PDB file of N, CA and C in Angstrom:
ATOM      1  N   MET A   1     127.073 121.356  86.611  1.00  0.00           N
ATOM      2  CA  MET A   1     126.867 120.494  87.760  1.00  0.00           C
ATOM      3  C   MET A   1     125.828 121.095  88.716  1.00  0.00           C
ATOM      4  N   ARG A   2     125.815 122.409  88.793  1.00  0.00           N
ATOM      5  CA  ARG A   2     124.842 123.070  89.659  1.00  0.00           C
ATOM      6  C   ARG A   2     123.420 122.790  89.163  1.00  0.00           C
ATOM      7  N   PHE A   3     123.261 122.693  87.823  1.00  0.00           N
ATOM      8  CA  PHE A   3     121.958 122.391  87.246  1.00  0.00           C
ATOM      9  C   PHE A   3     121.455 121.025  87.713  1.00  0.00           C
ATOM     10  N   LEU A   4     122.341 120.029  87.762  1.00  0.00           N
ATOM     11  CA  LEU A   4     121.955 118.697  88.223  1.00  0.00           C
ATOM     12  C   LEU A   4     121.571 118.712  89.704  1.00  0.00           C
ATOM     13  N   ALA A   5     122.285 119.492  90.485  1.00  0.00           N
ATOM     14  CA  ALA A   5     121.950 119.599  91.903  1.00  0.00           C
ATOM     15  C   ALA A   5     120.580 120.240  92.086  1.00  0.00           C
ATOM     16  N   LEU A   6     120.290 121.270  91.280  1.00  0.00           N
ATOM     17  CA  LEU A   6     118.960 121.895  91.342  1.00  0.00           C
ATOM     18  C   LEU A   6     117.881 120.925  90.882  1.00  0.00           C
ATOM     19  N   LEU A   7     118.184 120.111  89.901  1.00  0.00           N
ATOM     20  CA  LEU A   7     117.234 119.106  89.431  1.00  0.00           C
ATOM     21  C   LEU A   7     116.934 118.083  90.528  1.00  0.00           C
ATOM     22  N   VAL A   8     117.962 117.688  91.265  1.00  0.00           N
ATOM     23  CA  VAL A   8     117.776 116.751  92.383  1.00  0.00           C
ATOM     24  C   VAL A   8     116.881 117.381  93.453  1.00  0.00           C
ATOM     25  N   VAL A   9     117.098 118.645  93.747  1.00  0.00           N
ATOM     26  CA  VAL A   9     116.277 119.333  94.741  1.00  0.00           C
ATOM     27  C   VAL A   9     114.828 119.420  94.263  1.00  0.00           C
ATOM     28  N   ILE A  10     114.630 119.745  93.001  1.00  0.00           N
ATOM     29  CA  ILE A  10     113.266 119.853  92.461  1.00  0.00           C
ATOM     30  C   ILE A  10     112.567 118.498  92.490  1.00  0.00           C
ATOM     31  N   LEU A  11     113.287 117.448  92.121  1.00  0.00           N
ATOM     32  CA  LEU A  11     112.711 116.107  92.199  1.00  0.00           C
ATOM     33  C   LEU A  11     112.390 115.722  93.641  1.00  0.00           C
ATOM     34  N   GLY A  12     113.225 116.112  94.555  1.00  0.00           N
ATOM     35  CA  GLY A  12     112.965 115.847  95.973  1.00  0.00           C
ATOM     36  C   GLY A  12     111.720 116.561  96.462  1.00  0.00           C
ATOM     37  N   ILE A  13     111.548 117.803  96.046  1.00  0.00           N
ATOM     38  CA  ILE A  13     110.354 118.553  96.451  1.00  0.00           C
ATOM     39  C   ILE A  13     109.100 117.915  95.854  1.00  0.00           C
ATOM     40  N   ALA A  14     109.184 117.502  94.592  1.00  0.00           N
ATOM     41  CA  ALA A  14     108.032 116.847  93.959  1.00  0.00           C
ATOM     42  C   ALA A  14     107.698 115.530  94.664  1.00  0.00           C
ATOM     43  N   THR A  15     108.716 114.788  95.030  1.00  0.00           N
ATOM     44  CA  THR A  15     108.495 113.529  95.746  1.00  0.00           C
ATOM     45  C   THR A  15     107.881 113.784  97.110  1.00  0.00           C
ATOM     46  N   LEU A  16     108.342 114.818  97.782  1.00  0.00           N
ATOM     47  CA  LEU A  16     107.744 115.191  99.074  1.00  0.00           C
ATOM     48  C   LEU A  16     106.266 115.542  98.922  1.00  0.00           C
ATOM     49  N   VAL A  17     105.951 116.312  97.908  1.00  0.00           N
ATOM     50  CA  VAL A  17     104.559 116.710  97.688  1.00  0.00           C
ATOM     51  C   VAL A  17     103.684 115.496  97.435  1.00  0.00           C
ATOM     52  N   PHE A  18     104.165 114.567  96.605  1.00  0.00           N
ATOM     53  CA  PHE A  18     103.376 113.362  96.356  1.00  0.00           C
ATOM     54  C   PHE A  18     103.215 112.529  97.622  1.00  0.00           C
ATOM     55  N   GLY A  19     104.261 112.427  98.407  1.00  0.00           N
ATOM     56  CA  GLY A  19     104.163 111.685  99.661  1.00  0.00           C
ATOM     57  C   GLY A  19     103.166 112.303 100.616  1.00  0.00           C
ATOM     58  N   ILE A  20     103.174 113.613 100.689  1.00  0.00           N
ATOM     59  CA  ILE A  20     102.223 114.311 101.567  1.00  0.00           C
ATOM     60  C   ILE A  20     100.803 114.145 101.040  1.00  0.00           C
ATOM     61  N   MET A  21     100.637 114.066  99.727  1.00  0.00           N
ATOM     62  CA  MET A  21      99.300 113.880  99.152  1.00  0.00           C
ATOM     63  C   MET A  21      98.789 112.453  99.351  1.00  0.00           C
ATOM     64  N   PHE A  22      99.670 111.471  99.357  1.00  0.00           N
ATOM     65  CA  PHE A  22      99.245 110.076  99.476  1.00  0.00           C
ATOM     66  C   PHE A  22      98.642 109.762 100.839  1.00  0.00           C
ATOM     67  N   ILE A  23      99.205 110.295 101.894  1.00  0.00           N
ATOM     68  CA  ILE A  23      98.781 109.912 103.246  1.00  0.00           C
ATOM     69  C   ILE A  23      97.329 110.281 103.522  1.00  0.00           C
ATOM     70  N   PRO A  24      96.868 111.497 103.250  1.00  0.00           N
ATOM     71  CA  PRO A  24      95.443 111.775 103.493  1.00  0.00           C
ATOM     72  C   PRO A  24      94.515 110.970 102.578  1.00  0.00           C
ATOM     73  N   GLN A  25      94.970 110.689 101.355  1.00  0.00           N
ATOM     74  CA  GLN A  25      94.144 109.881 100.463  1.00  0.00           C
ATOM     75  C   GLN A  25      93.949 108.477 101.026  1.00  0.00           C
ATOM     76  N   ALA A  26      95.006 107.913 101.596  1.00  0.00           N
ATOM     77  CA  ALA A  26      94.899 106.577 102.188  1.00  0.00           C
ATOM     78  C   ALA A  26      93.966 106.600 103.387  1.00  0.00           C
ATOM     79  N   SER A  27      94.047 107.642 104.184  1.00  0.00           N
ATOM     80  CA  SER A  27      93.178 107.742 105.354  1.00  0.00           C
ATOM     81  C   SER A  27      91.714 107.870 104.953  1.00  0.00           C
ATOM     82  N   SER A  28      91.443 108.663 103.928  1.00  0.00           N
ATOM     83  CA  SER A  28      90.057 108.822 103.498  1.00  0.00           C
ATOM     84  C   SER A  28      89.526 107.540 102.858  1.00  0.00           C
ATOM     85  N   ALA A  29      90.376 106.797 102.162  1.00  0.00           N
ATOM     86  CA  ALA A  29      89.947 105.525 101.582  1.00  0.00           C
ATOM     87  C   ALA A  29      89.620 104.512 102.667  1.00  0.00           C
ATOM     88  N   LYS A  30      90.438 104.481 103.690  1.00  0.00           N
ATOM     89  CA  LYS A  30      90.183 103.563 104.805  1.00  0.00           C
ATOM     90  C   LYS A  30      88.898 103.949 105.532  1.00  0.00           C
ATOM     91  N   GLN A  31      88.664 105.239 105.693  1.00  0.00           N
ATOM     92  CA  GLN A  31      87.439 105.705 106.342  1.00  0.00           C
ATOM     93  C   GLN A  31      86.212 105.357 105.502  1.00  0.00           C
ATOM     94  N   GLU A  32      86.339 105.453 104.192  1.00  0.00           N
ATOM     95  CA  GLU A  32      85.229 105.107 103.307  1.00  0.00           C
ATOM     96  C   GLU A  32      84.878 103.625 103.425  1.00  0.00           C
ATOM     97  N   VAL A  33      85.885 102.768 103.500  1.00  0.00           N
ATOM     98  CA  VAL A  33      85.631 101.336 103.687  1.00  0.00           C
ATOM     99  C   VAL A  33      84.962 101.111 105.034  1.00  0.00           C
ATOM    100  N   LYS A  34      85.439 101.798 106.046  1.00  0.00           N
ATOM    101  CA  LYS A  34      84.856 101.659 107.382  1.00  0.00           C
ATOM    102  C   LYS A  34      83.393 102.081 107.379  1.00  0.00           C
ATOM    103  N   ASP A  35      83.076 103.150 106.683  1.00  0.00           N
ATOM    104  CA  ASP A  35      81.696 103.625 106.625  1.00  0.00           C
ATOM    105  C   ASP A  35      80.792 102.694 105.824  1.00  0.00           C
ATOM    106  N   SER A  36      81.351 102.008 104.845  1.00  0.00           N
ATOM    107  CA  SER A  36      80.526 101.161 103.987  1.00  0.00           C
ATOM    108  C   SER A  36      80.303  99.761 104.552  1.00  0.00           C
ATOM    109  N   LEU A  37      81.016  99.405 105.605  1.00  0.00           N
ATOM    110  CA  LEU A  37      80.819  98.081 106.196  1.00  0.00           C
ATOM    111  C   LEU A  37      79.460  98.010 106.884  1.00  0.00           C
ATOM    112  N   SER A  38      78.875  96.827 106.840  1.00  0.00           N
ATOM    113  CA  SER A  38      77.571  96.651 107.477  1.00  0.00           C
ATOM    114  C   SER A  38      77.729  96.635 108.991  1.00  0.00           C
ATOM    115  N   SER A  39      76.616  96.759 109.663  1.00  0.00           N
ATOM    116  CA  SER A  39      76.660  96.789 111.132  1.00  0.00           C
ATOM    117  C   SER A  39      77.179  95.455 111.650  1.00  0.00           C
ATOM    118  N   GLY A  40      77.956  95.518 112.683  1.00  0.00           N
ATOM    119  CA  GLY A  40      78.547  94.321 113.268  1.00  0.00           C
ATOM    120  C   GLY A  40      79.921  93.998 112.724  1.00  0.00           C
ATOM    121  N   VAL A  41      80.264  94.566 111.597  1.00  0.00           N
ATOM    122  CA  VAL A  41      81.583  94.315 111.001  1.00  0.00           C
ATOM    123  C   VAL A  41      82.384  95.606 111.108  1.00  0.00           C
ATOM    124  N   THR A  42      83.532  95.509 111.744  1.00  0.00           N
ATOM    125  CA  THR A  42      84.430  96.646 111.861  1.00  0.00           C
ATOM    126  C   THR A  42      85.744  96.294 111.166  1.00  0.00           C
ATOM    127  N   LEU A  43      86.621  97.265 111.054  1.00  0.00           N
ATOM    128  CA  LEU A  43      87.923  96.991 110.448  1.00  0.00           C
ATOM    129  C   LEU A  43      88.730  96.002 111.280  1.00  0.00           C
ATOM    130  N   ASP A  44      88.487  95.999 112.599  1.00  0.00           N
ATOM    131  CA  ASP A  44      89.224  95.096 113.478  1.00  0.00           C
ATOM    132  C   ASP A  44      88.825  93.638 113.276  1.00  0.00           C
ATOM    133  N   ASN A  45      87.534  93.386 113.035  1.00  0.00           N
ATOM    134  CA  ASN A  45      87.107  92.000 112.893  1.00  0.00           C
ATOM    135  C   ASN A  45      86.764  91.635 111.446  1.00  0.00           C
ATOM    136  N   LEU A  46      87.213  92.426 110.494  1.00  0.00           N
ATOM    137  CA  LEU A  46      86.929  92.171 109.080  1.00  0.00           C
ATOM    138  C   LEU A  46      87.528  90.850 108.626  1.00  0.00           C
ATOM    139  N   ASP A  47      88.778  90.596 108.970  1.00  0.00           N
ATOM    140  CA  ASP A  47      89.434  89.349 108.559  1.00  0.00           C
ATOM    141  C   ASP A  47      88.748  88.135 109.168  1.00  0.00           C
ATOM    142  N   ASP A  48      88.405  88.209 110.444  1.00  0.00           N
ATOM    143  CA  ASP A  48      87.740  87.094 111.115  1.00  0.00           C
ATOM    144  C   ASP A  48      86.365  86.828 110.511  1.00  0.00           C
ATOM    145  N   THR A  49      85.632  87.902 110.208  1.00  0.00           N
ATOM    146  CA  THR A  49      84.310  87.746 109.592  1.00  0.00           C
ATOM    147  C   THR A  49      84.433  87.111 108.216  1.00  0.00           C
ATOM    148  N   TYR A  50      85.409  87.569 107.440  1.00  0.00           N
ATOM    149  CA  TYR A  50      85.633  86.987 106.107  1.00  0.00           C
ATOM    150  C   TYR A  50      85.968  85.504 106.223  1.00  0.00           C
ATOM    151  N   ASP A  51      86.874  85.156 107.142  1.00  0.00           N
ATOM    152  CA  ASP A  51      87.262  83.759 107.303  1.00  0.00           C
ATOM    153  C   ASP A  51      86.073  82.894 107.710  1.00  0.00           C
ATOM    154  N   GLY A  52      85.228  83.419 108.605  1.00  0.00           N
ATOM    155  CA  GLY A  52      84.049  82.675 109.036  1.00  0.00           C
ATOM    156  C   GLY A  52      83.067  82.447 107.899  1.00  0.00           C
ATOM    157  N   VAL A  53      82.822  83.472 107.102  1.00  0.00           N
ATOM    158  CA  VAL A  53      81.902  83.337 105.960  1.00  0.00           C
ATOM    159  C   VAL A  53      82.497  82.392 104.923  1.00  0.00           C
ATOM    160  N   ALA A  54      83.787  82.498 104.665  1.00  0.00           N
ATOM    161  CA  ALA A  54      84.428  81.621 103.678  1.00  0.00           C
ATOM    162  C   ALA A  54      84.362  80.163 104.123  1.00  0.00           C
ATOM    163  N   GLN A  55      84.521  79.925 105.414  1.00  0.00           N
ATOM    164  CA  GLN A  55      84.445  78.551 105.918  1.00  0.00           C
ATOM    165  C   GLN A  55      83.021  78.013 105.816  1.00  0.00           C
ATOM    166  N   GLN A  56      82.031  78.845 106.160  1.00  0.00           N
ATOM    167  CA  GLN A  56      80.638  78.417 106.008  1.00  0.00           C
ATOM    168  C   GLN A  56      80.328  78.102 104.549  1.00  0.00           C
ATOM    169  N   LEU A  57      80.836  78.921 103.661  1.00  0.00           N
ATOM    170  CA  LEU A  57      80.574  78.741 102.239  1.00  0.00           C
ATOM    171  C   LEU A  57      81.216  77.467 101.709  1.00  0.00           C
ATOM    172  N   SER A  58      82.409  77.150 102.184  1.00  0.00           N
ATOM    173  CA  SER A  58      83.096  75.957 101.701  1.00  0.00           C
ATOM    174  C   SER A  58      82.411  74.676 102.178  1.00  0.00           C
ATOM    175  N   GLN A  59      81.686  74.733 103.283  1.00  0.00           N
ATOM    176  CA  GLN A  59      81.007  73.559 103.818  1.00  0.00           C
ATOM    177  C   GLN A  59      79.580  73.419 103.300  1.00  0.00           C
ATOM    178  N   MET A  60      79.113  74.390 102.534  1.00  0.00           N
ATOM    179  CA  MET A  60      77.724  74.402 102.074  1.00  0.00           C
ATOM    180  C   MET A  60      77.654  73.921 100.627  1.00  0.00           C
ATOM    181  N   PRO A  61      76.677  73.081 100.302  1.00  0.00           N
ATOM    182  CA  PRO A  61      76.526  72.669  98.900  1.00  0.00           C
ATOM    183  C   PRO A  61      75.984  73.824  98.046  1.00  0.00           C
ATOM    184  N   ASN A  62      76.265  73.765  96.757  1.00  0.00           N
ATOM    185  CA  ASN A  62      75.846  74.830  95.844  1.00  0.00           C
ATOM    186  C   ASN A  62      74.331  74.947  95.719  1.00  0.00           C
ATOM    187  N   THR A  63      73.630  73.909  96.054  1.00  0.00           N
ATOM    188  CA  THR A  63      72.174  73.915  95.897  1.00  0.00           C
ATOM    189  C   THR A  63      71.450  74.546  97.072  1.00  0.00           C
ATOM    190  N   ASP A  64      72.154  74.825  98.150  1.00  0.00           N
ATOM    191  CA  ASP A  64      71.531  75.447  99.323  1.00  0.00           C
ATOM    192  C   ASP A  64      71.052  76.855  98.965  1.00  0.00           C
ATOM    193  N   PRO A  65      69.842  77.244  99.402  1.00  0.00           N
ATOM    194  CA  PRO A  65      69.339  78.590  99.062  1.00  0.00           C
ATOM    195  C   PRO A  65      70.173  79.732  99.653  1.00  0.00           C
ATOM    196  N   ARG A  66      70.894  79.477 100.716  1.00  0.00           N
ATOM    197  CA  ARG A  66      71.713  80.527 101.339  1.00  0.00           C
ATOM    198  C   ARG A  66      73.066  80.673 100.669  1.00  0.00           C
ATOM    199  N   TYR A  67      73.384  79.785  99.720  1.00  0.00           N
ATOM    200  CA  TYR A  67      74.696  79.801  99.082  1.00  0.00           C
ATOM    201  C   TYR A  67      74.967  81.132  98.383  1.00  0.00           C
ATOM    202  N   THR A  68      74.000  81.620  97.651  1.00  0.00           N
ATOM    203  CA  THR A  68      74.190  82.871  96.907  1.00  0.00           C
ATOM    204  C   THR A  68      74.394  84.041  97.850  1.00  0.00           C
ATOM    205  N   MET A  69      73.653  84.065  98.953  1.00  0.00           N
ATOM    206  CA  MET A  69      73.808  85.155  99.923  1.00  0.00           C
ATOM    207  C   MET A  69      75.205  85.121 100.550  1.00  0.00           C
ATOM    208  N   LEU A  70      75.651  83.929 100.952  1.00  0.00           N
ATOM    209  CA  LEU A  70      76.982  83.811 101.550  1.00  0.00           C
ATOM    210  C   LEU A  70      78.076  84.105 100.524  1.00  0.00           C
ATOM    211  N   PHE A  71      77.855  83.695  99.277  1.00  0.00           N
ATOM    212  CA  PHE A  71      78.833  83.980  98.231  1.00  0.00           C
ATOM    213  C   PHE A  71      78.974  85.487  98.026  1.00  0.00           C
ATOM    214  N   SER A  72      77.852  86.185  97.994  1.00  0.00           N
ATOM    215  CA  SER A  72      77.868  87.649  97.838  1.00  0.00           C
ATOM    216  C   SER A  72      78.529  88.318  99.041  1.00  0.00           C
ATOM    217  N   GLN A  73      78.233  87.802 100.227  1.00  0.00           N
ATOM    218  CA  GLN A  73      78.821  88.385 101.436  1.00  0.00           C
ATOM    219  C   GLN A  73      80.332  88.176 101.449  1.00  0.00           C
ATOM    220  N   ARG A  74      80.767  86.975 101.054  1.00  0.00           N
ATOM    221  CA  ARG A  74      82.213  86.715 101.015  1.00  0.00           C
ATOM    222  C   ARG A  74      82.893  87.623  99.992  1.00  0.00           C
ATOM    223  N   THR A  75      82.253  87.824  98.854  1.00  0.00           N
ATOM    224  CA  THR A  75      82.819  88.695  97.826  1.00  0.00           C
ATOM    225  C   THR A  75      82.934  90.130  98.329  1.00  0.00           C
ATOM    226  N   SER A  76      81.890  90.620  98.975  1.00  0.00           N
ATOM    227  CA  SER A  76      81.911  91.988  99.495  1.00  0.00           C
ATOM    228  C   SER A  76      82.976  92.153 100.577  1.00  0.00           C
ATOM    229  N   LEU A  77      83.065  91.183 101.465  1.00  0.00           N
ATOM    230  CA  LEU A  77      84.076  91.254 102.524  1.00  0.00           C
ATOM    231  C   LEU A  77      85.483  91.150 101.939  1.00  0.00           C
ATOM    232  N   GLY A  78      85.651  90.346 100.890  1.00  0.00           N
ATOM    233  CA  GLY A  78      86.957  90.242 100.228  1.00  0.00           C
ATOM    234  C   GLY A  78      87.366  91.545  99.577  1.00  0.00           C
ATOM    235  N   LEU A  79      86.406  92.218  98.946  1.00  0.00           N
ATOM    236  CA  LEU A  79      86.709  93.522  98.350  1.00  0.00           C
ATOM    237  C   LEU A  79      87.059  94.550  99.425  1.00  0.00           C
ATOM    238  N   ALA A  80      86.359  94.500 100.547  1.00  0.00           N
ATOM    239  CA  ALA A  80      86.673  95.426 101.641  1.00  0.00           C
ATOM    240  C   ALA A  80      88.081  95.166 102.163  1.00  0.00           C
ATOM    241  N   ARG A  81      88.439  93.885 102.303  1.00  0.00           N
ATOM    242  CA  ARG A  81      89.799  93.551 102.752  1.00  0.00           C
ATOM    243  C   ARG A  81      90.840  94.057 101.763  1.00  0.00           C
ATOM    244  N   ALA A  82      90.563  93.891 100.482  1.00  0.00           N
ATOM    245  CA  ALA A  82      91.505  94.359  99.460  1.00  0.00           C
ATOM    246  C   ALA A  82      91.646  95.878  99.507  1.00  0.00           C
ATOM    247  N   ASN A  83      90.548  96.577  99.711  1.00  0.00           N
ATOM    248  CA  ASN A  83      90.612  98.040  99.775  1.00  0.00           C
ATOM    249  C   ASN A  83      91.369  98.511 101.000  1.00  0.00           C
ATOM    250  N   VAL A  84      91.193  97.839 102.129  1.00  0.00           N
ATOM    251  CA  VAL A  84      91.950  98.202 103.328  1.00  0.00           C
ATOM    252  C   VAL A  84      93.444  97.953 103.100  1.00  0.00           C
ATOM    253  N   GLY A  85      93.770  96.839 102.465  1.00  0.00           N
ATOM    254  CA  GLY A  85      95.170  96.548 102.152  1.00  0.00           C
ATOM    255  C   GLY A  85      95.763  97.572 101.202  1.00  0.00           C
ATOM    256  N   LEU A  86      94.988  97.982 100.218  1.00  0.00           N
ATOM    257  CA  LEU A  86      95.461  99.002  99.275  1.00  0.00           C
ATOM    258  C   LEU A  86      95.662 100.343  99.979  1.00  0.00           C
ATOM    259  N   ALA A  87      94.769 100.683 100.905  1.00  0.00           N
ATOM    260  CA  ALA A  87      94.928 101.930 101.662  1.00  0.00           C
ATOM    261  C   ALA A  87      96.205 101.888 102.500  1.00  0.00           C
ATOM    262  N   LYS A  88      96.498 100.735 103.087  1.00  0.00           N
ATOM    263  CA  LYS A  88      97.748 100.604 103.856  1.00  0.00           C
ATOM    264  C   LYS A  88      98.962 100.730 102.946  1.00  0.00           C
ATOM    265  N   LEU A  89      98.870 100.164 101.744  1.00  0.00           N
ATOM    266  CA  LEU A  89      99.965 100.264 100.791  1.00  0.00           C
ATOM    267  C   LEU A  89     100.200 101.705 100.365  1.00  0.00           C
ATOM    268  N   VAL A  90      99.132 102.441 100.092  1.00  0.00           N
ATOM    269  CA  VAL A  90      99.258 103.841  99.690  1.00  0.00           C
ATOM    270  C   VAL A  90      99.836 104.670 100.830  1.00  0.00           C
ATOM    271  N   ASN A  91      99.416 104.373 102.061  1.00  0.00           N
ATOM    272  CA  ASN A  91      99.960 105.071 103.229  1.00  0.00           C
ATOM    273  C   ASN A  91     101.462 104.808 103.349  1.00  0.00           C
ATOM    274  N   THR A  92     101.863 103.559 103.181  1.00  0.00           N
ATOM    275  CA  THR A  92     103.283 103.213 103.252  1.00  0.00           C
ATOM    276  C   THR A  92     104.060 103.878 102.111  1.00  0.00           C
ATOM    277  N   ALA A  93     103.461 103.898 100.920  1.00  0.00           N
ATOM    278  CA  ALA A  93     104.121 104.558  99.795  1.00  0.00           C
ATOM    279  C   ALA A  93     104.288 106.049 100.064  1.00  0.00           C
ATOM    280  N   GLY A  94     103.314 106.665 100.715  1.00  0.00           N
ATOM    281  CA  GLY A  94     103.436 108.076 101.065  1.00  0.00           C
ATOM    282  C   GLY A  94     104.582 108.323 102.026  1.00  0.00           C
ATOM    283  N   ILE A  95     104.705 107.458 103.015  1.00  0.00           N
ATOM    284  CA  ILE A  95     105.796 107.598 103.989  1.00  0.00           C
ATOM    285  C   ILE A  95     107.146 107.418 103.296  1.00  0.00           C
ATOM    286  N   VAL A  96     107.238 106.416 102.426  1.00  0.00           N
ATOM    287  CA  VAL A  96     108.489 106.177 101.700  1.00  0.00           C
ATOM    288  C   VAL A  96     108.813 107.368 100.796  1.00  0.00           C
ATOM    289  N   ASN A  97     107.789 107.918 100.124  1.00  0.00           N
ATOM    290  CA  ASN A  97     108.020 109.090  99.272  1.00  0.00           C
ATOM    291  C   ASN A  97     108.529 110.276 100.070  1.00  0.00           C
ATOM    292  N   ILE A  98     107.994 110.471 101.260  1.00  0.00           N
ATOM    293  CA  ILE A  98     108.461 111.580 102.109  1.00  0.00           C
ATOM    294  C   ILE A  98     109.923 111.372 102.477  1.00  0.00           C
ATOM    295  N   ILE A  99     110.283 110.160 102.851  1.00  0.00           N
ATOM    296  CA  ILE A  99     111.670 109.875 103.241  1.00  0.00           C
ATOM    297  C   ILE A  99     112.609 110.072 102.047  1.00  0.00           C
ATOM    298  N   VAL A 100     112.218 109.545 100.895  1.00  0.00           N
ATOM    299  CA  VAL A 100     113.049 109.697  99.691  1.00  0.00           C
ATOM    300  C   VAL A 100     113.143 111.167  99.297  1.00  0.00           C
ATOM    301  N   GLY A 101     112.021 111.888  99.390  1.00  0.00           N
ATOM    302  CA  GLY A 101     112.023 113.313  99.048  1.00  0.00           C
ATOM    303  C   GLY A 101     112.947 114.112  99.930  1.00  0.00           C
ATOM    304  N   VAL A 102     112.912 113.836 101.230  1.00  0.00           N
ATOM    305  CA  VAL A 102     113.809 114.541 102.149  1.00  0.00           C
ATOM    306  C   VAL A 102     115.260 114.221 101.804  1.00  0.00           C
ATOM    307  N   GLY A 103     115.531 112.955 101.489  1.00  0.00           N
ATOM    308  CA  GLY A 103     116.890 112.573 101.106  1.00  0.00           C
ATOM    309  C   GLY A 103     117.357 113.272  99.844  1.00  0.00           C
ATOM    310  N   LEU A 104     116.456 113.356  98.860  1.00  0.00           N
ATOM    311  CA  LEU A 104     116.830 114.041  97.620  1.00  0.00           C
ATOM    312  C   LEU A 104     117.065 115.533  97.844  1.00  0.00           C
ATOM    313  N   VAL A 105     116.217 116.166  98.630  1.00  0.00           N
ATOM    314  CA  VAL A 105     116.391 117.596  98.902  1.00  0.00           C
ATOM    315  C   VAL A 105     117.707 117.828  99.645  1.00  0.00           C
ATOM    316  N   LEU A 106     117.959 117.031 100.656  1.00  0.00           N
ATOM    317  CA  LEU A 106     119.208 117.199 101.415  1.00  0.00           C
ATOM    318  C   LEU A 106     120.429 116.897 100.545  1.00  0.00           C
ATOM    319  N   GLY A 107     120.332 115.850  99.717  1.00  0.00           N
ATOM    320  CA  GLY A 107     121.450 115.526  98.820  1.00  0.00           C
ATOM    321  C   GLY A 107     121.692 116.622  97.804  1.00  0.00           C
ATOM    322  N   GLY A 108     120.626 117.164  97.226  1.00  0.00           N
ATOM    323  CA  GLY A 108     120.764 118.264  96.267  1.00  0.00           C
ATOM    324  C   GLY A 108     121.346 119.501  96.914  1.00  0.00           C
ATOM    325  N   CYS A 109     120.880 119.801  98.128  1.00  0.00           N
ATOM    326  CA  CYS A 109     121.430 120.967  98.851  1.00  0.00           C
ATOM    327  C   CYS A 109     122.905 120.758  99.181  1.00  0.00           C
ATOM    328  N   ALA A 110     123.261 119.536  99.557  1.00  0.00           N
ATOM    329  CA  ALA A 110     124.662 119.238  99.844  1.00  0.00           C
ATOM    330  C   ALA A 110     125.522 119.413  98.593  1.00  0.00           C
ATOM    331  N   LEU A 111     124.996 118.971  97.444  1.00  0.00           N
ATOM    332  CA  LEU A 111     125.743 119.155  96.204  1.00  0.00           C
ATOM    333  C   LEU A 111     125.912 120.628  95.862  1.00  0.00           C
ATOM    334  N   ILE A 112     124.867 121.414  96.079  1.00  0.00           N
ATOM    335  CA  ILE A 112     124.958 122.847  95.802  1.00  0.00           C
ATOM    336  C   ILE A 112     125.974 123.499  96.727  1.00  0.00           C
ATOM    337  N   MET A 113     125.947 123.155  98.007  1.00  0.00           N
ATOM    338  CA  MET A 113     126.876 123.742  98.989  1.00  0.00           C
ATOM    339  C   MET A 113     128.310 123.323  98.665  1.00  0.00           C
ATOM    340  N   ARG A 114     128.492 122.062  98.293  1.00  0.00           N
ATOM    341  CA  ARG A 114     129.843 121.592  98.010  1.00  0.00           C
ATOM    342  C   ARG A 114     130.409 122.271  96.783  1.00  0.00           C
ATOM    343  N   LYS A 115     129.596 122.481  95.774  1.00  0.00           N
ATOM    344  CA  LYS A 115     130.074 123.148  94.571  1.00  0.00           C
ATOM    345  C   LYS A 115     130.344 124.636  94.827  1.00  0.00           C
ATOM    346  N   SER A 116     129.531 125.250  95.673  1.00  0.00           N
ATOM    347  CA  SER A 116     129.764 126.675  95.936  1.00  0.00           C
ATOM    348  C   SER A 116     130.999 126.873  96.798  1.00  0.00           C
ATOM    349  N   GLN A 117     131.342 125.927  97.668  1.00  0.00           N
ATOM    350  CA  GLN A 117     132.550 126.042  98.484  1.00  0.00           C
ATOM    351  C   GLN A 117     133.798 125.792  97.661  1.00  0.00           C
ATOM    352  N   SER A 118     133.703 124.904  96.678  1.00  0.00           N
ATOM    353  CA  SER A 118     134.898 124.605  95.872  1.00  0.00           C
ATOM    354  C   SER A 118     135.125 125.650  94.772  1.00  0.00           C
ATOM    355  N   ALA A 119     134.118 126.446  94.478  1.00  0.00           N
ATOM    356  CA  ALA A 119     134.258 127.443  93.402  1.00  0.00           C
ATOM    357  C   ALA A 119     134.894 128.712  93.887  1.00  0.00           C
TER     358      ALA A 119
END
């Protein structure tokens, strides 16, 4: 039984390490998206800019010469939105991993303490 408690502690430590690794990765990914955005577009107004371009594109006929430019801009802004969403997801997953890791470590330690007191 002590072996299982040690396994729980080891899994908790591994989960903690992954959670700690996820958070800086999410921050750097978000910063990379921020750096790659064109001038005038920030993370705060990314959704509004995308919605505006998408609305202009939906009202424009396919034969308009600006259609391809707006289509490309909408695609780029959509990818930026997806990357920001993915960075938020990774950040949340890191936080959840840290919480689960702490729970596993504490649970494993509790199992070890309980077994040592009963022995």
